[in-house]
Amino acid sequence: MSLEKSEAVILRMFNWSESSRTVLFFSREHGKLPLVDRGGRSLKSKRGRLQPFARMQLTFYSSRKESSGYISDVEIVEAFPLDKEGTLGRLAYGSAACELLYLLLPEKEAHQDLYSYLLSYFRKLSEIDKKFLPALFLAFFLRSMSLLGYHPSLGYCSGCRKEVGRFEKNDAKQMFSPERGGIVCPSCQKAGERYIGLSADGLRLLSSLQQASLPEAAVVPIGFQEATNLVETLAEFLRFHSGLVSELKALEFLEKLRSSQPG
């Protein structure tokens, strides 16, 4: 086995014994990287501790013959305080981002632009007012999809390529087809196909956030339920075109948390 170093963040962890676990990292140099954390669950472990929502310098052993290497040492380079208010909102949106990348990223294929984008997202997520969190996550979702090759058509018809602004009744609901990969104008819609209705405001918001930087998205106040509905629309698109995305459990948890609160 060879000894290597890489910068990485944790996407997911799976316990498989009382003292050890498998950790799925997003590595700057290696993409999604599975490593065994031998003895990492033990309080007696003498090496650095793994930390979610942190940029870490990993030292690890890897082998071409085995699917997973194992961790030798960990050093925290930058931590993102998503739990600083004692509430779960930032943690849920951070977890949802990690879950999305865990589901979409292929193993051991570098995506350095997306890695840098995730770090920028964590930084912004830890800084902004909570009312801007839904729009920030929606922008992250759209940009991550784009960097991985998934581009929903939001500005023109997926069939005839007519611009959305030239549709008849363009102030009414627009029909989004997960199968066709975007908006479908009235003339191109077919009986028996499944469509998701988007309001004119919802479509404008998606189109805007598809092009927005994280700082631009971080000043857009939208409601949690509206953002969640739009995320679900994009997830339908991904389920059809990637075959990989299940329900985002982190967002399901956030919805249950929101519903349980008075008012």
Protein backbone atom coordinates (compact mmCIF):
# COMPACT_ATOMS: atom_id res chain seq x y z
CA MET A 1 0.00 0.00 0.00
CA SER A 2 1.16 3.54 -0.70
CA LEU A 3 0.97 6.46 1.74
CA GLU A 4 -0.82 9.51 0.33
CA LYS A 5 -2.07 12.93 1.44
CA SER A 6 -5.13 14.84 0.31
CA GLU A 7 -7.42 17.62 1.44
CA ALA A 8 -11.01 16.44 1.98
CA VAL A 9 -14.38 16.86 3.68
CA ILE A 10 -16.69 14.14 5.00
CA LEU A 11 -19.78 13.23 2.99
CA ARG A 12 -20.97 10.22 4.99
CA MET A 13 -19.92 7.71 7.66
CA PHE A 14 -20.98 4.09 8.21
CA ASN A 15 -20.21 2.26 11.46
CA TRP A 16 -19.25 -1.40 10.96
CA SER A 17 -17.75 -2.39 14.31
CA GLU A 18 -17.54 -1.09 17.87
CA SER A 19 -14.29 0.70 17.09
CA SER A 20 -14.16 1.23 13.31
CA ARG A 21 -16.19 2.72 10.46
CA THR A 22 -16.10 3.44 6.74
CA VAL A 23 -15.95 7.12 5.79
CA LEU A 24 -16.89 8.55 2.39
CA PHE A 25 -14.81 11.67 1.79
CA PHE A 26 -14.96 14.25 -0.97
CA SER A 27 -11.26 14.68 -1.72
CA ARG A 28 -9.87 17.57 -3.74
CA GLU A 29 -7.49 15.28 -5.63
CA HIS A 30 -9.47 12.01 -5.73
CA GLY A 31 -13.18 12.92 -5.72
CA LYS A 32 -15.42 10.62 -3.69
CA LEU A 33 -13.01 8.53 -1.66
CA PRO A 34 -13.96 5.62 0.65
CA LEU A 35 -11.54 5.03 3.53
CA VAL A 36 -11.66 2.76 6.57
CA ASP A 37 -11.30 4.56 9.90
CA ARG A 38 -9.66 1.84 11.99
CA GLY A 39 -10.24 2.41 15.69
CA GLY A 40 -11.60 5.88 14.97
CA ARG A 41 -14.69 5.34 17.12
CA SER A 42 -12.59 4.48 20.14
CA LEU A 43 -11.95 7.19 22.73
CA LYS A 44 -8.43 5.77 23.05
CA SER A 45 -7.52 6.69 19.47
CA LYS A 46 -4.40 8.87 19.49
CA ARG A 47 -4.63 10.35 16.02
CA GLY A 48 -6.61 13.41 14.96
CA ARG A 49 -10.39 13.22 15.22
CA LEU A 50 -12.65 13.31 12.19
CA GLN A 51 -15.03 16.27 12.11
CA PRO A 52 -18.09 16.84 9.88
CA PHE A 53 -18.33 20.18 8.08
CA ALA A 54 -14.58 20.75 8.17
CA ARG A 55 -11.76 20.95 5.66
CA MET A 56 -9.19 18.34 6.68
CA GLN A 57 -5.75 17.23 5.62
CA LEU A 58 -5.81 13.44 5.36
CA THR A 59 -2.90 11.05 5.45
CA PHE A 60 -4.03 7.63 4.27
CA TYR A 61 -2.92 4.32 2.81
CA SER A 62 -4.33 3.27 -0.55
CA SER A 63 -4.05 0.19 -2.74
CA ARG A 64 -4.96 -0.45 -6.37
CA LYS A 65 -6.05 -3.97 -5.43
CA GLU A 66 -8.52 -2.91 -2.71
CA SER A 67 -11.57 -0.68 -3.07
CA SER A 68 -10.95 1.12 0.24
CA GLY A 69 -7.75 2.30 1.85
CA TYR A 70 -7.51 3.34 5.47
CA ILE A 71 -6.83 6.55 7.38
CA SER A 72 -3.45 7.13 9.00
CA ASP A 73 -3.87 10.68 10.34
CA VAL A 74 -6.19 13.70 10.21
CA GLU A 75 -5.52 17.41 10.67
CA ILE A 76 -8.32 20.00 10.77
CA VAL A 77 -7.48 22.88 8.40
CA GLU A 78 -10.74 24.84 8.57
CA ALA A 79 -13.93 24.19 10.54
CA PHE A 80 -17.34 25.59 9.61
CA PRO A 81 -19.49 26.39 12.70
CA LEU A 82 -22.91 25.32 11.43
CA ASP A 83 -24.17 24.64 14.97
CA LYS A 84 -23.16 28.00 16.42
CA GLU A 85 -26.73 29.04 17.33
CA GLY A 86 -27.72 25.75 18.90
CA THR A 87 -30.30 25.21 16.14
CA LEU A 88 -30.43 22.55 13.44
CA GLY A 89 -31.24 24.59 10.32
CA ARG A 90 -27.68 25.19 9.12
CA LEU A 91 -26.71 21.62 9.99
CA ALA A 92 -29.64 20.28 7.95
CA TYR A 93 -28.71 22.35 4.89
CA GLY A 94 -25.06 21.33 5.28
CA SER A 95 -26.08 17.68 5.57
CA ALA A 96 -28.34 17.97 2.53
CA ALA A 97 -25.44 19.29 0.44
CA CYS A 98 -23.19 16.41 1.55
CA GLU A 99 -25.96 13.90 0.91
CA LEU A 100 -26.56 15.25 -2.60
CA LEU A 101 -22.88 14.91 -3.51
CA TYR A 102 -22.66 11.47 -1.90
CA LEU A 103 -25.50 10.32 -4.16
CA LEU A 104 -24.26 11.96 -7.37
CA LEU A 105 -20.46 11.79 -7.32
CA PRO A 106 -18.72 8.81 -8.93
CA GLU A 107 -15.95 7.25 -6.85
CA LYS A 108 -12.33 8.30 -7.30
CA GLU A 109 -12.96 10.91 -10.00
CA ALA A 110 -11.64 14.38 -9.21
CA HIS A 111 -14.02 17.38 -9.35
CA GLN A 112 -11.87 20.20 -8.02
CA ASP A 113 -14.26 23.01 -9.07
CA LEU A 114 -17.10 21.34 -7.20
CA TYR A 115 -14.88 20.70 -4.17
CA SER A 116 -13.99 24.39 -3.99
CA TYR A 117 -17.65 25.30 -4.47
CA LEU A 118 -18.67 23.09 -1.53
CA LEU A 119 -16.15 24.85 0.73
CA SER A 120 -17.50 28.24 -0.37
CA TYR A 121 -21.03 27.01 0.36
CA PHE A 122 -20.06 25.91 3.88
CA ARG A 123 -18.44 29.29 4.56
CA LYS A 124 -21.48 31.22 3.38
CA LEU A 125 -23.84 28.82 5.18
CA SER A 126 -22.12 29.57 8.49
CA GLU A 127 -22.27 33.36 7.99
CA ILE A 128 -25.62 34.47 6.61
CA ASP A 129 -28.95 35.22 8.26
CA LYS A 130 -31.11 32.12 8.60
CA LYS A 131 -33.86 33.55 6.39
CA PHE A 132 -31.52 33.29 3.38
CA LEU A 133 -30.61 29.61 3.92
CA PRO A 134 -33.29 28.13 1.57
CA ALA A 135 -32.17 30.22 -1.43
CA LEU A 136 -28.51 29.48 -0.73
CA PHE A 137 -29.14 25.73 -0.75
CA LEU A 138 -31.24 25.96 -3.90
CA ALA A 139 -28.40 27.80 -5.67
CA PHE A 140 -25.94 25.16 -4.44
CA PHE A 141 -28.22 22.39 -5.73
CA LEU A 142 -28.49 23.99 -9.18
CA ARG A 143 -24.78 24.75 -9.51
CA SER A 144 -23.71 21.30 -8.30
CA MET A 145 -26.01 19.70 -10.87
CA SER A 146 -24.48 21.87 -13.59
CA LEU A 147 -20.89 21.05 -12.61
CA LEU A 148 -21.77 17.34 -12.81
CA GLY A 149 -23.37 17.69 -16.25
CA TYR A 150 -27.07 18.04 -15.41
CA HIS A 151 -28.62 21.16 -16.97
CA PRO A 152 -32.41 21.52 -16.68
CA SER A 153 -33.85 23.72 -19.41
CA LEU A 154 -35.50 26.67 -17.66
CA GLY A 155 -35.32 29.49 -20.21
CA TYR A 156 -36.78 27.78 -23.27
CA CYS A 157 -38.95 24.85 -24.30
CA SER A 158 -37.23 21.47 -24.18
CA GLY A 159 -39.10 20.51 -27.36
CA CYS A 160 -39.15 23.39 -29.85
CA ARG A 161 -36.55 25.60 -28.08
CA LYS A 162 -38.91 28.58 -28.01
CA GLU A 163 -38.01 31.09 -25.29
CA VAL A 164 -40.27 30.94 -22.24
CA GLY A 165 -41.15 34.63 -22.61
CA ARG A 166 -42.69 33.90 -26.01
CA PHE A 167 -45.09 31.23 -24.76
CA GLU A 168 -48.78 31.95 -24.81
CA LYS A 169 -50.01 32.93 -21.34
CA ASN A 170 -46.44 33.15 -20.06
CA ASP A 171 -47.70 34.60 -16.77
CA ALA A 172 -49.52 31.33 -16.02
CA LYS A 173 -48.02 28.11 -14.65
CA GLN A 174 -45.30 26.61 -16.79
CA MET A 175 -45.05 22.84 -17.16
CA PHE A 176 -41.76 21.18 -16.21
CA SER A 177 -41.08 17.70 -17.59
CA PRO A 178 -38.56 15.65 -15.57
CA GLU A 179 -38.30 13.21 -18.48
CA ARG A 180 -37.62 15.84 -21.16
CA GLY A 181 -35.35 17.79 -18.85
CA GLY A 182 -37.06 21.14 -18.53
CA ILE A 183 -39.94 23.44 -19.38
CA VAL A 184 -42.31 22.31 -22.15
CA CYS A 185 -44.49 24.85 -23.97
CA PRO A 186 -48.24 24.21 -24.53
CA SER A 187 -47.68 23.25 -28.18
CA CYS A 188 -45.13 20.55 -27.29
CA GLN A 189 -46.97 18.97 -24.38
CA LYS A 190 -48.20 15.41 -24.91
CA ALA A 191 -51.05 13.49 -23.34
CA GLY A 192 -49.92 10.89 -20.82
CA GLU A 193 -46.65 12.60 -19.92
CA ARG A 194 -46.02 13.74 -16.36
CA TYR A 195 -45.54 17.46 -15.76
CA ILE A 196 -44.87 19.53 -12.66
CA GLY A 197 -46.49 22.95 -12.63
CA LEU A 198 -44.22 25.89 -11.80
CA SER A 199 -45.58 29.35 -11.09
CA ALA A 200 -44.17 32.23 -13.10
CA ASP A 201 -42.44 33.52 -9.96
CA GLY A 202 -41.07 30.07 -9.13
CA LEU A 203 -39.63 29.64 -12.61
CA ARG A 204 -38.08 33.12 -12.55
CA LEU A 205 -36.51 32.30 -9.19
CA LEU A 206 -35.04 29.02 -10.45
CA SER A 207 -33.71 30.70 -13.60
CA SER A 208 -32.14 33.48 -11.55
CA LEU A 209 -30.53 31.14 -9.01
CA GLN A 210 -29.24 28.89 -11.79
CA GLN A 211 -26.97 31.79 -12.81
CA ALA A 212 -26.38 33.30 -9.35
CA SER A 213 -23.16 33.24 -7.35
CA LEU A 214 -23.36 32.18 -3.72
CA PRO A 215 -23.09 35.80 -2.46
CA GLU A 216 -25.94 36.77 -4.80
CA ALA A 217 -28.11 33.86 -3.62
CA ALA A 218 -27.31 34.69 0.01
CA VAL A 219 -29.49 37.82 -0.08
CA VAL A 220 -32.61 36.25 -1.62
CA PRO A 221 -35.39 35.78 0.98
CA ILE A 222 -37.66 32.88 0.02
CA GLY A 223 -39.81 30.66 2.19
CA PHE A 224 -38.75 27.19 3.23
CA GLN A 225 -41.78 25.51 1.67
CA GLU A 226 -41.36 27.28 -1.67
CA ALA A 227 -37.67 26.34 -1.78
CA THR A 228 -38.45 22.74 -0.80
CA ASN A 229 -41.03 22.43 -3.59
CA LEU A 230 -38.47 23.68 -6.11
CA VAL A 231 -35.81 21.30 -4.76
CA GLU A 232 -38.26 18.42 -5.13
CA THR A 233 -38.83 19.42 -8.77
CA LEU A 234 -35.08 19.34 -9.43
CA ALA A 235 -34.76 16.03 -7.58
CA GLU A 236 -37.41 14.53 -9.90
CA PHE A 237 -35.29 15.65 -12.85
CA LEU A 238 -32.21 14.03 -11.30
CA ARG A 239 -33.98 10.79 -10.48
CA PHE A 240 -34.88 10.40 -14.13
CA HIS A 241 -31.55 11.45 -15.66
CA SER A 242 -29.03 10.16 -13.11
CA GLY A 243 -30.88 7.19 -11.64
CA LEU A 244 -29.07 7.84 -8.38
CA VAL A 245 -30.93 10.36 -6.27
CA SER A 246 -33.32 9.15 -3.58
CA GLU A 247 -35.20 11.43 -1.20
CA LEU A 248 -32.93 13.89 0.59
CA LYS A 249 -33.30 12.71 4.17
CA ALA A 250 -31.73 15.85 5.62
CA LEU A 251 -34.47 18.01 4.10
CA GLU A 252 -37.16 15.58 5.23
CA PHE A 253 -35.83 16.03 8.76
CA LEU A 254 -35.84 19.82 8.42
CA GLU A 255 -39.46 19.75 7.22
CA LYS A 256 -40.50 17.66 10.23
CA LEU A 257 -38.65 20.05 12.51
CA ARG A 258 -40.35 23.09 10.95
CA SER A 259 -43.79 21.48 11.12
CA SER A 260 -43.38 20.68 14.81
CA GLN A 261 -42.70 24.30 15.75
CA PRO A 262 -45.63 26.54 16.79
CA GLY A 263 -46.72 29.32 14.46
